[in-house]
């Protein structure tokens, strides 16, 4: 394996969920970011990653951007649920 994540991995549901969970937990420790609710932070983290991966892999059209907003909600909810399950 050359790298942990690839753009292609981030284009999958499971890859985006794992990356969102990891990045959100890292970002929560930054002082000015810690004021943002974790669920909001995970949504925007997922959105940025999905938009970036789509842009790099296929180019970003307005249709892809609209779908990214919807997909980011699904990924963020899965990431939050996975973290809550692990924490318990």
Protein backbone atom coordinates (compact mmCIF):
# COMPACT_ATOMS: atom_id res chain seq x y z
CA UNK A 1 0.00 0.00 0.00
CA UNK A 2 1.49 3.32 -1.06
CA UNK A 3 -0.78 5.54 0.98
CA UNK A 4 -3.48 5.31 3.60
CA UNK A 5 -6.08 7.28 1.65
CA UNK A 6 -6.38 7.96 -2.05
CA UNK A 7 -8.80 10.23 -3.86
CA UNK A 8 -10.57 7.13 -5.10
CA UNK A 9 -10.94 5.85 -1.52
CA UNK A 10 -12.45 9.17 -0.45
CA UNK A 11 -15.04 8.80 -3.22
CA UNK A 12 -16.47 5.73 -1.47
CA UNK A 13 -18.99 5.89 1.35
CA UNK A 14 -16.83 3.96 3.79
CA UNK A 15 -13.66 5.88 2.93
CA UNK A 16 -15.40 9.23 3.31
CA UNK A 17 -16.96 8.14 6.60
CA UNK A 18 -13.66 6.98 8.08
CA UNK A 19 -11.81 10.09 6.92
CA UNK A 20 -14.57 12.36 8.26
CA UNK A 21 -14.43 10.66 11.65
CA UNK A 22 -10.66 10.98 11.90
CA UNK A 23 -10.41 14.57 10.68
CA UNK A 24 -13.32 15.73 12.84
CA UNK A 25 -11.76 14.27 15.98
CA UNK A 26 -8.49 15.98 15.13
CA UNK A 27 -10.13 19.35 14.40
CA UNK A 28 -12.19 19.31 17.62
CA UNK A 29 -8.99 19.86 19.60
CA UNK A 30 -8.17 23.18 17.89
CA UNK A 31 -9.20 26.02 20.27
CA UNK A 32 -11.23 28.23 17.91
CA UNK A 33 -12.82 25.21 16.21
CA UNK A 34 -13.82 23.58 19.50
CA UNK A 35 -16.68 26.09 19.83
CA UNK A 36 -18.38 24.58 16.77
CA UNK A 37 -20.73 21.67 17.57
CA UNK A 38 -19.19 18.33 16.55
CA UNK A 39 -22.11 17.41 14.28
CA UNK A 40 -21.80 20.66 12.34
CA UNK A 41 -18.04 20.25 12.13
CA UNK A 42 -18.36 16.71 10.81
CA UNK A 43 -20.85 17.84 8.14
CA UNK A 44 -18.53 20.53 6.83
CA UNK A 45 -15.56 18.18 7.02
CA UNK A 46 -17.45 15.60 4.96
CA UNK A 47 -18.60 18.25 2.50
CA UNK A 48 -15.09 19.59 1.90
CA UNK A 49 -13.65 16.11 1.45
CA UNK A 50 -16.39 15.00 -0.94
CA UNK A 51 -16.14 18.19 -2.99
CA UNK A 52 -12.33 17.92 -3.15
CA UNK A 53 -12.37 14.24 -4.10
CA UNK A 54 -15.00 14.82 -6.78
CA UNK A 55 -13.09 17.78 -8.18
CA UNK A 56 -9.84 15.84 -8.39
CA UNK A 57 -11.32 12.60 -9.75
CA UNK A 58 -13.94 13.75 -12.24
CA UNK A 59 -14.14 17.52 -12.22
CA UNK A 60 -16.85 19.35 -10.33
CA UNK A 61 -20.12 20.22 -12.01
CA UNK A 62 -23.02 21.97 -10.35
CA UNK A 63 -24.91 18.65 -10.30
CA UNK A 64 -22.04 16.98 -8.48
CA UNK A 65 -21.90 19.87 -6.02
CA UNK A 66 -25.60 19.53 -5.20
CA UNK A 67 -25.18 15.79 -4.65
CA UNK A 68 -22.16 16.47 -2.44
CA UNK A 69 -24.35 18.43 -0.01
CA UNK A 70 -26.71 15.46 0.29
CA UNK A 71 -23.94 12.85 0.46
CA UNK A 72 -22.11 14.89 3.10
CA UNK A 73 -25.16 14.66 5.36
CA UNK A 74 -25.21 10.87 5.05
CA UNK A 75 -21.46 10.60 5.63
CA UNK A 76 -21.53 12.97 8.63
CA UNK A 77 -24.40 11.08 10.26
CA UNK A 78 -22.56 7.77 9.76
CA UNK A 79 -19.34 9.25 11.13
CA UNK A 80 -21.13 10.62 14.20
CA UNK A 81 -22.88 7.32 14.79
CA UNK A 82 -19.67 5.34 14.44
CA UNK A 83 -17.88 7.60 16.89
CA UNK A 84 -20.75 7.39 19.39
CA UNK A 85 -20.74 3.58 19.12
CA UNK A 86 -16.98 3.40 19.69
CA UNK A 87 -17.13 5.81 22.62
CA UNK A 88 -19.75 3.71 24.41
